[in-house]
PDB file of N, CA and C in Angstrom:
ATOM      1  N   MET A   1       7.642  -2.599  14.240  1.00  0.00           N
ATOM      2  CA  MET A   1       7.230  -2.231  13.145  1.00  0.00           C
ATOM      3  C   MET A   1       6.623  -0.576  13.588  1.00  0.00           C
ATOM      4  N   CYS A   2       7.111   0.381  12.982  1.00  0.00           N
ATOM      5  CA  CYS A   2       6.678   1.798  13.291  1.00  0.00           C
ATOM      6  C   CYS A   2       5.877   2.356  11.981  1.00  0.00           C
ATOM      7  N   VAL A   3       4.639   2.495  12.226  1.00  0.00           N
ATOM      8  CA  VAL A   3       3.761   2.867  11.090  1.00  0.00           C
ATOM      9  C   VAL A   3       2.730   3.851  11.653  1.00  0.00           C
ATOM     10  N   SER A   4       2.296   5.177  10.888  1.00  0.00           N
ATOM     11  CA  SER A   4       1.355   6.026  11.197  1.00  0.00           C
ATOM     12  C   SER A   4       0.026   5.616  10.697  1.00  0.00           C
ATOM     13  N   VAL A   5      -0.976   6.056  11.481  1.00  0.00           N
ATOM     14  CA  VAL A   5      -2.277   5.862  11.008  1.00  0.00           C
ATOM     15  C   VAL A   5      -2.813   6.800   9.941  1.00  0.00           C
ATOM     16  N   VAL A   6      -3.722   6.247   9.078  1.00  0.00           N
ATOM     17  CA  VAL A   6      -4.192   7.147   7.910  1.00  0.00           C
ATOM     18  C   VAL A   6      -5.653   6.980   7.809  1.00  0.00           C
ATOM     19  N   SER A   7      -6.426   7.936   7.842  1.00  0.00           N
ATOM     20  CA  SER A   7      -7.957   7.548   7.637  1.00  0.00           C
ATOM     21  C   SER A   7      -8.244   9.076   7.360  1.00  0.00           C
ATOM     22  N   GLY A   8      -9.145   9.055   6.323  1.00  0.00           N
ATOM     23  CA  GLY A   8      -9.697  10.520   5.839  1.00  0.00           C
ATOM     24  C   GLY A   8     -10.101  10.159   4.408  1.00  0.00           C
ATOM     25  N   SER A   9     -10.641  11.369   4.107  1.00  0.00           N
ATOM     26  CA  SER A   9     -10.989  11.478   2.670  1.00  0.00           C
ATOM     27  C   SER A   9     -10.233  12.629   1.915  1.00  0.00           C
ATOM     28  N   ARG A  10     -10.205  12.352   0.611  1.00  0.00           N
ATOM     29  CA  ARG A  10      -9.669  13.195  -0.314  1.00  0.00           C
ATOM     30  C   ARG A  10     -10.741  14.183  -0.969  1.00  0.00           C
ATOM     31  N   TYR A  11     -10.458  15.413  -1.106  1.00  0.00           N
ATOM     32  CA  TYR A  11     -11.377  16.410  -1.804  1.00  0.00           C
ATOM     33  C   TYR A  11     -10.756  17.006  -2.919  1.00  0.00           C
ATOM     34  N   ASP A  12     -11.487  17.492  -3.976  1.00  0.00           N
ATOM     35  CA  ASP A  12     -11.061  18.024  -4.947  1.00  0.00           C
ATOM     36  C   ASP A  12     -11.165  19.659  -4.606  1.00  0.00           C
ATOM     37  N   ASP A  13     -11.170  20.156  -3.541  1.00  0.00           N
ATOM     38  CA  ASP A  13     -11.324  21.585  -3.286  1.00  0.00           C
ATOM     39  C   ASP A  13      -9.993  22.127  -3.724  1.00  0.00           C
ATOM     40  N   LEU A  14     -10.245  23.303  -4.137  1.00  0.00           N
ATOM     41  CA  LEU A  14      -9.142  24.208  -4.547  1.00  0.00           C
ATOM     42  C   LEU A  14      -8.743  25.041  -3.655  1.00  0.00           C
ATOM     43  N   MET A  15      -7.479  25.506  -3.445  1.00  0.00           N
ATOM     44  CA  MET A  15      -6.911  26.561  -2.811  1.00  0.00           C
ATOM     45  C   MET A  15      -6.056  27.390  -3.641  1.00  0.00           C
ATOM     46  N   VAL A  16      -6.421  28.732  -3.707  1.00  0.00           N
ATOM     47  CA  VAL A  16      -5.731  29.635  -4.655  1.00  0.00           C
ATOM     48  C   VAL A  16      -4.835  30.664  -3.666  1.00  0.00           C
ATOM     49  N   ASP A  17      -3.914  30.725  -3.881  1.00  0.00           N
ATOM     50  CA  ASP A  17      -2.828  31.643  -3.140  1.00  0.00           C
ATOM     51  C   ASP A  17      -2.871  32.988  -3.862  1.00  0.00           C
ATOM     52  N   GLY A  18      -2.152  34.118  -3.303  1.00  0.00           N
ATOM     53  CA  GLY A  18      -2.349  35.341  -4.010  1.00  0.00           C
ATOM     54  C   GLY A  18      -1.596  35.418  -5.314  1.00  0.00           C
ATOM     55  N   ASN A  19      -0.868  34.491  -5.817  1.00  0.00           N
ATOM     56  CA  ASN A  19      -0.203  34.612  -6.858  1.00  0.00           C
ATOM     57  C   ASN A  19      -1.107  33.704  -8.074  1.00  0.00           C
ATOM     58  N   GLY A  20      -2.257  33.165  -7.674  1.00  0.00           N
ATOM     59  CA  GLY A  20      -3.203  32.606  -8.766  1.00  0.00           C
ATOM     60  C   GLY A  20      -2.766  31.129  -8.586  1.00  0.00           C
ATOM     61  N   ALA A  21      -1.833  30.539  -7.990  1.00  0.00           N
ATOM     62  CA  ALA A  21      -1.678  29.142  -8.028  1.00  0.00           C
ATOM     63  C   ALA A  21      -2.560  28.277  -7.190  1.00  0.00           C
ATOM     64  N   ALA A  22      -3.232  27.250  -7.827  1.00  0.00           N
ATOM     65  CA  ALA A  22      -4.274  26.658  -7.110  1.00  0.00           C
ATOM     66  C   ALA A  22      -3.628  25.256  -6.790  1.00  0.00           C
ATOM     67  N   VAL A  23      -3.842  24.996  -5.388  1.00  0.00           N
ATOM     68  CA  VAL A  23      -3.251  23.706  -4.966  1.00  0.00           C
ATOM     69  C   VAL A  23      -4.528  22.957  -4.490  1.00  0.00           C
ATOM     70  N   THR A  24      -4.590  21.581  -4.899  1.00  0.00           N
ATOM     71  CA  THR A  24      -5.342  20.819  -4.687  1.00  0.00           C
ATOM     72  C   THR A  24      -4.995  19.659  -3.588  1.00  0.00           C
ATOM     73  N   GLU A  25      -6.146  18.970  -2.880  1.00  0.00           N
ATOM     74  CA  GLU A  25      -5.601  18.035  -1.974  1.00  0.00           C
ATOM     75  C   GLU A  25      -4.986  16.922  -2.722  1.00  0.00           C
ATOM     76  N   ASP A  26      -5.313  16.562  -3.991  1.00  0.00           N
ATOM     77  CA  ASP A  26      -4.343  15.563  -4.723  1.00  0.00           C
ATOM     78  C   ASP A  26      -2.810  16.098  -4.773  1.00  0.00           C
ATOM     79  N   ASP A  27      -2.750  17.292  -5.004  1.00  0.00           N
ATOM     80  CA  ASP A  27      -1.333  17.825  -4.943  1.00  0.00           C
ATOM     81  C   ASP A  27      -0.590  17.379  -3.716  1.00  0.00           C
ATOM     82  N   VAL A  28      -1.317  17.817  -2.544  1.00  0.00           N
ATOM     83  CA  VAL A  28      -0.740  17.489  -1.136  1.00  0.00           C
ATOM     84  C   VAL A  28      -0.567  16.039  -1.151  1.00  0.00           C
ATOM     85  N   TYR A  29      -1.603  15.249  -1.483  1.00  0.00           N
ATOM     86  CA  TYR A  29      -1.397  13.785  -1.191  1.00  0.00           C
ATOM     87  C   TYR A  29      -0.190  13.185  -2.144  1.00  0.00           C
ATOM     88  N   GLU A  30      -0.005  13.847  -3.358  1.00  0.00           N
ATOM     89  CA  GLU A  30       1.129  13.348  -4.043  1.00  0.00           C
ATOM     90  C   GLU A  30       2.560  13.581  -3.397  1.00  0.00           C
ATOM     91  N   ALA A  31       2.602  14.954  -2.873  1.00  0.00           N
ATOM     92  CA  ALA A  31       3.620  15.485  -2.212  1.00  0.00           C
ATOM     93  C   ALA A  31       4.062  14.382  -0.807  1.00  0.00           C
ATOM     94  N   LEU A  32       2.867  14.058  -0.189  1.00  0.00           N
ATOM     95  CA  LEU A  32       2.875  13.366   1.054  1.00  0.00           C
ATOM     96  C   LEU A  32       3.542  11.629   0.652  1.00  0.00           C
ATOM     97  N   GLU A  33       3.238  11.268  -0.673  1.00  0.00           N
ATOM     98  CA  GLU A  33       3.732   9.874  -0.917  1.00  0.00           C
ATOM     99  C   GLU A  33       5.251   9.924  -1.050  1.00  0.00           C
ATOM    100  N   GLU A  34       5.886  11.168  -0.913  1.00  0.00           N
ATOM    101  CA  GLU A  34       7.454  11.164  -0.785  1.00  0.00           C
ATOM    102  C   GLU A  34       7.901  10.735   0.845  1.00  0.00           C
ATOM    103  N   VAL A  35       6.851  10.907   1.603  1.00  0.00           N
ATOM    104  CA  VAL A  35       7.148  10.536   3.005  1.00  0.00           C
ATOM    105  C   VAL A  35       7.293   9.137   3.209  1.00  0.00           C
ATOM    106  N   ILE A  36       8.392   8.529   3.447  1.00  0.00           N
ATOM    107  CA  ILE A  36       8.538   7.131   3.541  1.00  0.00           C
ATOM    108  C   ILE A  36       8.785   6.475   4.884  1.00  0.00           C
ATOM    109  N   ASP A  37       7.986   5.512   5.267  1.00  0.00           N
ATOM    110  CA  ASP A  37       8.424   4.869   6.580  1.00  0.00           C
ATOM    111  C   ASP A  37       9.732   4.144   6.335  1.00  0.00           C
ATOM    112  N   PRO A  38      10.658   4.483   7.199  1.00  0.00           N
ATOM    113  CA  PRO A  38      12.023   3.680   7.072  1.00  0.00           C
ATOM    114  C   PRO A  38      12.235   2.434   7.376  1.00  0.00           C
ATOM    115  N   GLU A  39      11.215   1.833   8.149  1.00  0.00           N
ATOM    116  CA  GLU A  39      11.332   0.450   8.399  1.00  0.00           C
ATOM    117  C   GLU A  39      10.661  -0.333   7.492  1.00  0.00           C
ATOM    118  N   LEU A  40       9.516   0.115   6.718  1.00  0.00           N
ATOM    119  CA  LEU A  40       8.864  -0.547   5.728  1.00  0.00           C
ATOM    120  C   LEU A  40       9.199  -0.344   4.322  1.00  0.00           C
ATOM    121  N   GLY A  41       9.705   0.829   4.106  1.00  0.00           N
ATOM    122  CA  GLY A  41      10.028   1.360   2.789  1.00  0.00           C
ATOM    123  C   GLY A  41       8.751   1.636   1.876  1.00  0.00           C
ATOM    124  N   LEU A  42       7.757   1.965   2.569  1.00  0.00           N
ATOM    125  CA  LEU A  42       6.739   2.459   1.735  1.00  0.00           C
ATOM    126  C   LEU A  42       6.214   3.910   2.251  1.00  0.00           C
ATOM    127  N   ASP A  43       5.464   4.332   1.381  1.00  0.00           N
ATOM    128  CA  ASP A  43       5.022   5.817   1.749  1.00  0.00           C
ATOM    129  C   ASP A  43       3.852   5.904   2.773  1.00  0.00           C
ATOM    130  N   PHE A  44       3.695   6.936   3.514  1.00  0.00           N
ATOM    131  CA  PHE A  44       2.803   7.066   4.537  1.00  0.00           C
ATOM    132  C   PHE A  44       1.271   7.000   4.021  1.00  0.00           C
ATOM    133  N   VAL A  45       1.160   7.472   2.596  1.00  0.00           N
ATOM    134  CA  VAL A  45      -0.442   7.461   2.104  1.00  0.00           C
ATOM    135  C   VAL A  45      -0.604   5.983   1.683  1.00  0.00           C
ATOM    136  N   SER A  46       0.175   5.226   1.150  1.00  0.00           N
ATOM    137  CA  SER A  46      -0.093   3.745   0.940  1.00  0.00           C
ATOM    138  C   SER A  46      -0.250   3.034   2.200  1.00  0.00           C
ATOM    139  N   LEU A  47       0.353   3.474   3.253  1.00  0.00           N
ATOM    140  CA  LEU A  47       0.196   2.665   4.480  1.00  0.00           C
ATOM    141  C   LEU A  47      -0.898   3.061   5.177  1.00  0.00           C
ATOM    142  N   GLY A  48      -1.625   4.074   4.629  1.00  0.00           N
ATOM    143  CA  GLY A  48      -2.902   4.620   5.321  1.00  0.00           C
ATOM    144  C   GLY A  48      -2.656   5.283   6.641  1.00  0.00           C
ATOM    145  N   LEU A  49      -1.461   5.949   6.672  1.00  0.00           N
ATOM    146  CA  LEU A  49      -1.148   6.674   8.112  1.00  0.00           C
ATOM    147  C   LEU A  49      -1.456   8.174   7.825  1.00  0.00           C
ATOM    148  N   VAL A  50      -1.957   8.649   6.913  1.00  0.00           N
ATOM    149  CA  VAL A  50      -2.619   9.955   6.638  1.00  0.00           C
ATOM    150  C   VAL A  50      -3.992  10.069   6.763  1.00  0.00           C
ATOM    151  N   TYR A  51      -4.329  10.655   7.849  1.00  0.00           N
ATOM    152  CA  TYR A  51      -5.870  10.715   8.063  1.00  0.00           C
ATOM    153  C   TYR A  51      -6.780  11.808   7.392  1.00  0.00           C
ATOM    154  N   ASP A  52      -6.025  13.025   7.248  1.00  0.00           N
ATOM    155  CA  ASP A  52      -6.883  14.000   6.690  1.00  0.00           C
ATOM    156  C   ASP A  52      -5.916  15.080   6.111  1.00  0.00           C
ATOM    157  N   VAL A  53      -6.292  15.726   5.090  1.00  0.00           N
ATOM    158  CA  VAL A  53      -5.595  17.013   4.790  1.00  0.00           C
ATOM    159  C   VAL A  53      -6.709  18.176   4.558  1.00  0.00           C
ATOM    160  N   GLU A  54      -6.338  19.284   5.111  1.00  0.00           N
ATOM    161  CA  GLU A  54      -7.071  20.416   4.872  1.00  0.00           C
ATOM    162  C   GLU A  54      -6.176  21.514   4.465  1.00  0.00           C
ATOM    163  N   ILE A  55      -6.855  22.332   3.554  1.00  0.00           N
ATOM    164  CA  ILE A  55      -6.276  23.319   2.871  1.00  0.00           C
ATOM    165  C   ILE A  55      -7.157  24.655   3.214  1.00  0.00           C
ATOM    166  N   LYS A  56      -6.484  25.719   3.947  1.00  0.00           N
ATOM    167  CA  LYS A  56      -7.174  27.096   4.252  1.00  0.00           C
ATOM    168  C   LYS A  56      -6.076  27.891   3.817  1.00  0.00           C
ATOM    169  N   ASP A  57      -6.546  28.807   2.916  1.00  0.00           N
ATOM    170  CA  ASP A  57      -5.723  29.744   2.246  1.00  0.00           C
ATOM    171  C   ASP A  57      -4.480  29.253   1.663  1.00  0.00           C
ATOM    172  N   ALA A  58      -3.519  29.526   2.142  1.00  0.00           N
ATOM    173  CA  ALA A  58      -2.089  29.030   1.769  1.00  0.00           C
ATOM    174  C   ALA A  58      -1.508  28.195   2.775  1.00  0.00           C
ATOM    175  N   ASP A  59      -2.265  27.739   3.751  1.00  0.00           N
ATOM    176  CA  ASP A  59      -1.912  26.921   4.742  1.00  0.00           C
ATOM    177  C   ASP A  59      -2.491  25.337   4.645  1.00  0.00           C
ATOM    178  N   VAL A  60      -1.509  24.219   4.991  1.00  0.00           N
ATOM    179  CA  VAL A  60      -2.085  23.028   4.841  1.00  0.00           C
ATOM    180  C   VAL A  60      -2.018  22.405   5.969  1.00  0.00           C
ATOM    181  N   TYR A  61      -2.914  21.767   6.497  1.00  0.00           N
ATOM    182  CA  TYR A  61      -2.866  20.893   7.824  1.00  0.00           C
ATOM    183  C   TYR A  61      -3.161  19.410   7.454  1.00  0.00           C
ATOM    184  N   VAL A  62      -2.023  18.711   8.012  1.00  0.00           N
ATOM    185  CA  VAL A  62      -1.967  17.416   7.664  1.00  0.00           C
ATOM    186  C   VAL A  62      -2.164  16.491   9.070  1.00  0.00           C
ATOM    187  N   THR A  63      -3.210  15.632   9.132  1.00  0.00           N
ATOM    188  CA  THR A  63      -3.404  14.892  10.414  1.00  0.00           C
ATOM    189  C   THR A  63      -3.013  13.626  10.017  1.00  0.00           C
ATOM    190  N   PHE A  64      -2.060  12.859  10.720  1.00  0.00           N
ATOM    191  CA  PHE A  64      -1.495  11.636  10.578  1.00  0.00           C
ATOM    192  C   PHE A  64      -1.293  10.827  11.916  1.00  0.00           C
ATOM    193  N   THR A  65      -0.979   9.420  11.755  1.00  0.00           N
ATOM    194  CA  THR A  65      -0.632   8.601  12.932  1.00  0.00           C
ATOM    195  C   THR A  65       0.555   7.845  12.754  1.00  0.00           C
ATOM    196  N   LEU A  66       0.888   7.221  13.736  1.00  0.00           N
ATOM    197  CA  LEU A  66       1.954   6.226  13.670  1.00  0.00           C
ATOM    198  C   LEU A  66       1.377   4.810  14.178  1.00  0.00           C
ATOM    199  N   THR A  67       2.090   3.816  14.036  1.00  0.00           N
ATOM    200  CA  THR A  67       1.349   2.652  14.370  1.00  0.00           C
ATOM    201  C   THR A  67       1.428   2.376  15.755  1.00  0.00           C
ATOM    202  N   TYR A  68       2.104   3.065  16.595  1.00  0.00           N
ATOM    203  CA  TYR A  68       2.095   3.127  18.159  1.00  0.00           C
ATOM    204  C   TYR A  68       2.551   4.075  18.684  1.00  0.00           C
ATOM    205  N   PRO A  69       1.985   4.710  19.859  1.00  0.00           N
ATOM    206  CA  PRO A  69       2.441   6.066  20.400  1.00  0.00           C
ATOM    207  C   PRO A  69       4.009   6.160  20.634  1.00  0.00           C
ATOM    208  N   GLY A  70       4.487   5.109  20.896  1.00  0.00           N
ATOM    209  CA  GLY A  70       6.078   5.179  21.407  1.00  0.00           C
ATOM    210  C   GLY A  70       6.903   5.328  20.089  1.00  0.00           C
ATOM    211  N   CYS A  71       6.469   5.002  18.785  1.00  0.00           N
ATOM    212  CA  CYS A  71       7.197   5.232  17.802  1.00  0.00           C
ATOM    213  C   CYS A  71       7.990   6.497  17.656  1.00  0.00           C
ATOM    214  N   PRO A  72       9.352   6.322  17.522  1.00  0.00           N
ATOM    215  CA  PRO A  72      10.357   7.504  17.669  1.00  0.00           C
ATOM    216  C   PRO A  72      10.406   8.223  16.237  1.00  0.00           C
ATOM    217  N   ILE A  73       9.691   7.873  15.199  1.00  0.00           N
ATOM    218  CA  ILE A  73       9.985   8.627  13.873  1.00  0.00           C
ATOM    219  C   ILE A  73       8.927   9.721  13.726  1.00  0.00           C
ATOM    220  N   GLY A  74       7.997  10.010  14.879  1.00  0.00           N
ATOM    221  CA  GLY A  74       7.028  11.065  14.455  1.00  0.00           C
ATOM    222  C   GLY A  74       7.868  12.546  14.228  1.00  0.00           C
ATOM    223  N   PRO A  75       8.599  12.870  15.001  1.00  0.00           N
ATOM    224  CA  PRO A  75       9.285  14.373  14.749  1.00  0.00           C
ATOM    225  C   PRO A  75       9.955  14.225  13.210  1.00  0.00           C
ATOM    226  N   GLN A  76      10.635  13.004  12.752  1.00  0.00           N
ATOM    227  CA  GLN A  76      11.272  13.042  11.619  1.00  0.00           C
ATOM    228  C   GLN A  76      10.144  13.059  10.461  1.00  0.00           C
ATOM    229  N   VAL A  77       9.182  12.528  10.603  1.00  0.00           N
ATOM    230  CA  VAL A  77       7.937  12.416   9.661  1.00  0.00           C
ATOM    231  C   VAL A  77       7.298  13.830   9.558  1.00  0.00           C
ATOM    232  N   SER A  78       7.119  14.538  10.588  1.00  0.00           N
ATOM    233  CA  SER A  78       6.713  15.959  10.685  1.00  0.00           C
ATOM    234  C   SER A  78       7.563  16.769   9.835  1.00  0.00           C
ATOM    235  N   GLU A  79       8.837  16.702  10.057  1.00  0.00           N
ATOM    236  CA  GLU A  79       9.746  17.385   9.287  1.00  0.00           C
ATOM    237  C   GLU A  79       9.653  17.045   7.842  1.00  0.00           C
ATOM    238  N   GLN A  80       9.593  15.819   7.452  1.00  0.00           N
ATOM    239  CA  GLN A  80       9.447  15.671   6.093  1.00  0.00           C
ATOM    240  C   GLN A  80       8.431  15.877   5.342  1.00  0.00           C
ATOM    241  N   MET A  81       7.000  16.065   6.191  1.00  0.00           N
ATOM    242  CA  MET A  81       5.723  16.421   5.601  1.00  0.00           C
ATOM    243  C   MET A  81       5.904  17.877   5.445  1.00  0.00           C
ATOM    244  N   LYS A  82       6.652  18.675   6.262  1.00  0.00           N
ATOM    245  CA  LYS A  82       6.839  20.185   5.941  1.00  0.00           C
ATOM    246  C   LYS A  82       7.509  20.467   4.924  1.00  0.00           C
ATOM    247  N   GLU A  83       8.530  19.660   4.598  1.00  0.00           N
ATOM    248  CA  GLU A  83       9.542  19.853   3.561  1.00  0.00           C
ATOM    249  C   GLU A  83       8.777  19.452   2.220  1.00  0.00           C
ATOM    250  N   PHE A  84       8.202  18.448   2.043  1.00  0.00           N
ATOM    251  CA  PHE A  84       7.722  17.900   0.732  1.00  0.00           C
ATOM    252  C   PHE A  84       6.291  18.723   0.468  1.00  0.00           C
ATOM    253  N   VAL A  85       5.447  18.834   1.325  1.00  0.00           N
ATOM    254  CA  VAL A  85       4.265  19.783   1.102  1.00  0.00           C
ATOM    255  C   VAL A  85       4.386  21.095   0.939  1.00  0.00           C
ATOM    256  N   GLY A  86       5.381  21.510   1.541  1.00  0.00           N
ATOM    257  CA  GLY A  86       5.925  23.032   1.595  1.00  0.00           C
ATOM    258  C   GLY A  86       6.544  23.350   0.314  1.00  0.00           C
ATOM    259  N   ASP A  87       7.036  22.364  -0.496  1.00  0.00           N
ATOM    260  CA  ASP A  87       7.556  22.422  -1.979  1.00  0.00           C
ATOM    261  C   ASP A  87       6.438  22.732  -3.072  1.00  0.00           C
ATOM    262  N   VAL A  88       5.123  22.302  -2.666  1.00  0.00           N
ATOM    263  CA  VAL A  88       4.161  22.531  -3.666  1.00  0.00           C
ATOM    264  C   VAL A  88       3.949  23.816  -3.807  1.00  0.00           C
ATOM    265  N   GLU A  89       3.756  24.135  -5.173  1.00  0.00           N
ATOM    266  CA  GLU A  89       3.580  25.690  -5.568  1.00  0.00           C
ATOM    267  C   GLU A  89       2.230  26.004  -5.014  1.00  0.00           C
ATOM    268  N   GLY A  90       2.307  27.182  -4.277  1.00  0.00           N
ATOM    269  CA  GLY A  90       1.065  27.976  -3.696  1.00  0.00           C
ATOM    270  C   GLY A  90       0.915  27.665  -2.052  1.00  0.00           C
ATOM    271  N   VAL A  91       1.711  26.788  -1.511  1.00  0.00           N
ATOM    272  CA  VAL A  91       1.675  26.330  -0.187  1.00  0.00           C
ATOM    273  C   VAL A  91       2.717  27.185   0.627  1.00  0.00           C
ATOM    274  N   GLU A  92       2.178  27.878   1.817  1.00  0.00           N
ATOM    275  CA  GLU A  92       3.081  28.761   2.535  1.00  0.00           C
ATOM    276  C   GLU A  92       3.519  28.048   3.739  1.00  0.00           C
ATOM    277  N   SER A  93       2.453  27.419   4.357  1.00  0.00           N
ATOM    278  CA  SER A  93       2.947  26.705   5.664  1.00  0.00           C
ATOM    279  C   SER A  93       2.193  25.464   5.659  1.00  0.00           C
ATOM    280  N   VAL A  94       3.040  24.523   6.397  1.00  0.00           N
ATOM    281  CA  VAL A  94       2.547  23.219   6.584  1.00  0.00           C
ATOM    282  C   VAL A  94       2.466  22.883   8.023  1.00  0.00           C
ATOM    283  N   TYR A  95       1.405  22.391   8.586  1.00  0.00           N
ATOM    284  CA  TYR A  95       1.053  22.158   9.938  1.00  0.00           C
ATOM    285  C   TYR A  95       0.859  20.664  10.270  1.00  0.00           C
ATOM    286  N   PRO A  96       1.720  19.760  10.427  1.00  0.00           N
ATOM    287  CA  PRO A  96       1.486  18.360  10.746  1.00  0.00           C
ATOM    288  C   PRO A  96       0.868  18.121  12.164  1.00  0.00           C
ATOM    289  N   LYS A  97      -0.057  17.188  12.313  1.00  0.00           N
ATOM    290  CA  LYS A  97      -0.583  16.954  13.653  1.00  0.00           C
ATOM    291  C   LYS A  97      -0.731  15.446  13.803  1.00  0.00           C
ATOM    292  N   MET A  98       0.086  14.841  14.923  1.00  0.00           N
ATOM    293  CA  MET A  98       0.029  13.512  15.027  1.00  0.00           C
ATOM    294  C   MET A  98      -1.215  13.205  16.022  1.00  0.00           C
ATOM    295  N   VAL A  99      -1.873  12.053  15.573  1.00  0.00           N
ATOM    296  CA  VAL A  99      -2.824  11.696  16.468  1.00  0.00           C
ATOM    297  C   VAL A  99      -2.858  10.169  16.657  1.00  0.00           C
ATOM    298  N   PHE A 100      -3.501   9.712  17.780  1.00  0.00           N
ATOM    299  CA  PHE A 100      -3.381   8.219  17.862  1.00  0.00           C
ATOM    300  C   PHE A 100      -4.872   7.535  17.907  1.00  0.00           C
ATOM    301  N   ASP A 101      -5.831   8.137  17.698  1.00  0.00           N
ATOM    302  CA  ASP A 101      -7.216   7.593  17.601  1.00  0.00           C
ATOM    303  C   ASP A 101      -7.898   8.145  16.339  1.00  0.00           C
ATOM    304  N   PRO A 102      -8.323   7.251  15.834  1.00  0.00           N
ATOM    305  CA  PRO A 102      -8.330   5.667  15.745  1.00  0.00           C
ATOM    306  C   PRO A 102      -6.833   5.147  15.610  1.00  0.00           C
ATOM    307  N   PRO A 103      -6.557   4.048  16.296  1.00  0.00           N
ATOM    308  CA  PRO A 103      -5.275   3.344  16.024  1.00  0.00           C
ATOM    309  C   PRO A 103      -5.224   2.731  14.647  1.00  0.00           C
ATOM    310  N   TRP A 104      -3.831   2.717  14.174  1.00  0.00           N
ATOM    311  CA  TRP A 104      -3.898   2.047  12.774  1.00  0.00           C
ATOM    312  C   TRP A 104      -3.933   0.726  12.983  1.00  0.00           C
ATOM    313  N   THR A 105      -4.389   0.235  11.756  1.00  0.00           N
ATOM    314  CA  THR A 105      -4.500  -1.177  11.576  1.00  0.00           C
ATOM    315  C   THR A 105      -3.932  -1.495  10.041  1.00  0.00           C
ATOM    316  N   PRO A 106      -3.675  -2.693   9.662  1.00  0.00           N
ATOM    317  CA  PRO A 106      -3.122  -3.114   8.383  1.00  0.00           C
ATOM    318  C   PRO A 106      -4.241  -2.868   7.476  1.00  0.00           C
ATOM    319  N   ASP A 107      -5.601  -2.905   7.922  1.00  0.00           N
ATOM    320  CA  ASP A 107      -6.671  -2.829   7.050  1.00  0.00           C
ATOM    321  C   ASP A 107      -6.792  -1.439   6.265  1.00  0.00           C
ATOM    322  N   MET A 108      -5.973  -0.395   6.837  1.00  0.00           N
ATOM    323  CA  MET A 108      -6.122   0.951   6.384  1.00  0.00           C
ATOM    324  C   MET A 108      -5.023   1.090   5.225  1.00  0.00           C
ATOM    325  N   MET A 109      -4.287   0.175   4.930  1.00  0.00           N
ATOM    326  CA  MET A 109      -3.449   0.115   3.834  1.00  0.00           C
ATOM    327  C   MET A 109      -3.897   0.012   2.627  1.00  0.00           C
ATOM    328  N   SER A 110      -3.367   0.464   1.590  1.00  0.00           N
ATOM    329  CA  SER A 110      -3.847   0.367  -0.040  1.00  0.00           C
ATOM    330  C   SER A 110      -3.618  -0.981  -0.184  1.00  0.00           C
ATOM    331  N   GLU A 111      -4.372  -1.614  -1.408  1.00  0.00           N
ATOM    332  CA  GLU A 111      -4.095  -2.700  -1.752  1.00  0.00           C
ATOM    333  C   GLU A 111      -2.677  -3.242  -2.179  1.00  0.00           C
ATOM    334  N   ASP A 112      -2.055  -2.268  -2.760  1.00  0.00           N
ATOM    335  CA  ASP A 112      -0.647  -2.279  -3.291  1.00  0.00           C
ATOM    336  C   ASP A 112       0.139  -2.469  -2.029  1.00  0.00           C
ATOM    337  N   ALA A 113      -0.010  -1.655  -0.999  1.00  0.00           N
ATOM    338  CA  ALA A 113       0.773  -1.769   0.030  1.00  0.00           C
ATOM    339  C   ALA A 113       0.763  -3.234   0.807  1.00  0.00           C
ATOM    340  N   LYS A 114      -0.631  -3.743   1.104  1.00  0.00           N
ATOM    341  CA  LYS A 114      -0.896  -4.854   1.518  1.00  0.00           C
ATOM    342  C   LYS A 114      -0.140  -6.144   0.911  1.00  0.00           C
ATOM    343  N   PHE A 115      -0.303  -5.998  -0.607  1.00  0.00           N
ATOM    344  CA  PHE A 115       0.510  -6.955  -1.438  1.00  0.00           C
ATOM    345  C   PHE A 115       2.081  -6.900  -1.142  1.00  0.00           C
ATOM    346  N   ALA A 116       2.552  -5.663  -1.020  1.00  0.00           N
ATOM    347  CA  ALA A 116       3.986  -5.611  -0.967  1.00  0.00           C
ATOM    348  C   ALA A 116       4.412  -6.077   0.302  1.00  0.00           C
ATOM    349  N   LEU A 117       3.652  -5.987   1.447  1.00  0.00           N
ATOM    350  CA  LEU A 117       4.111  -6.528   2.837  1.00  0.00           C
ATOM    351  C   LEU A 117       3.597  -7.760   3.034  1.00  0.00           C
ATOM    352  N   GLY A 118       2.863  -8.680   2.027  1.00  0.00           N
ATOM    353  CA  GLY A 118       2.180  -9.672   2.287  1.00  0.00           C
ATOM    354  C   GLY A 118       0.959 -10.147   3.016  1.00  0.00           C
ATOM    355  N   TYR A 119       0.217  -8.894   2.883  1.00  0.00           N
ATOM    356  CA  TYR A 119      -1.138  -9.124   3.713  1.00  0.00           C
ATOM    357  C   TYR A 119      -2.240  -9.623   2.689  1.00  0.00           C
TER     358      TYR A 119
END
């Protein structure tokens, strides 16, 4: 099983670009829900694999993890994050960062994800 670690908090801070478009962390998390773990068929947010989202000017920094360091989907996930978050109005650049501390556990999943996977 290959899963990313997610822990962090969501903020309602706004990022306004030069065109007046405001991006919220909720906008970014919604875009990240399109990033699907290919083995589990659930999104990275529900699986608890996204640790943090920071918005600085028109740049978005996403900290995420995988279930174990040898998981081969890291580069694929990073590209998907760039694609989906990059499509959010007002976002110019996306910088995914993969970390393995703290390690992911099933306790980090949403209640819906736990139910879907039988936890």
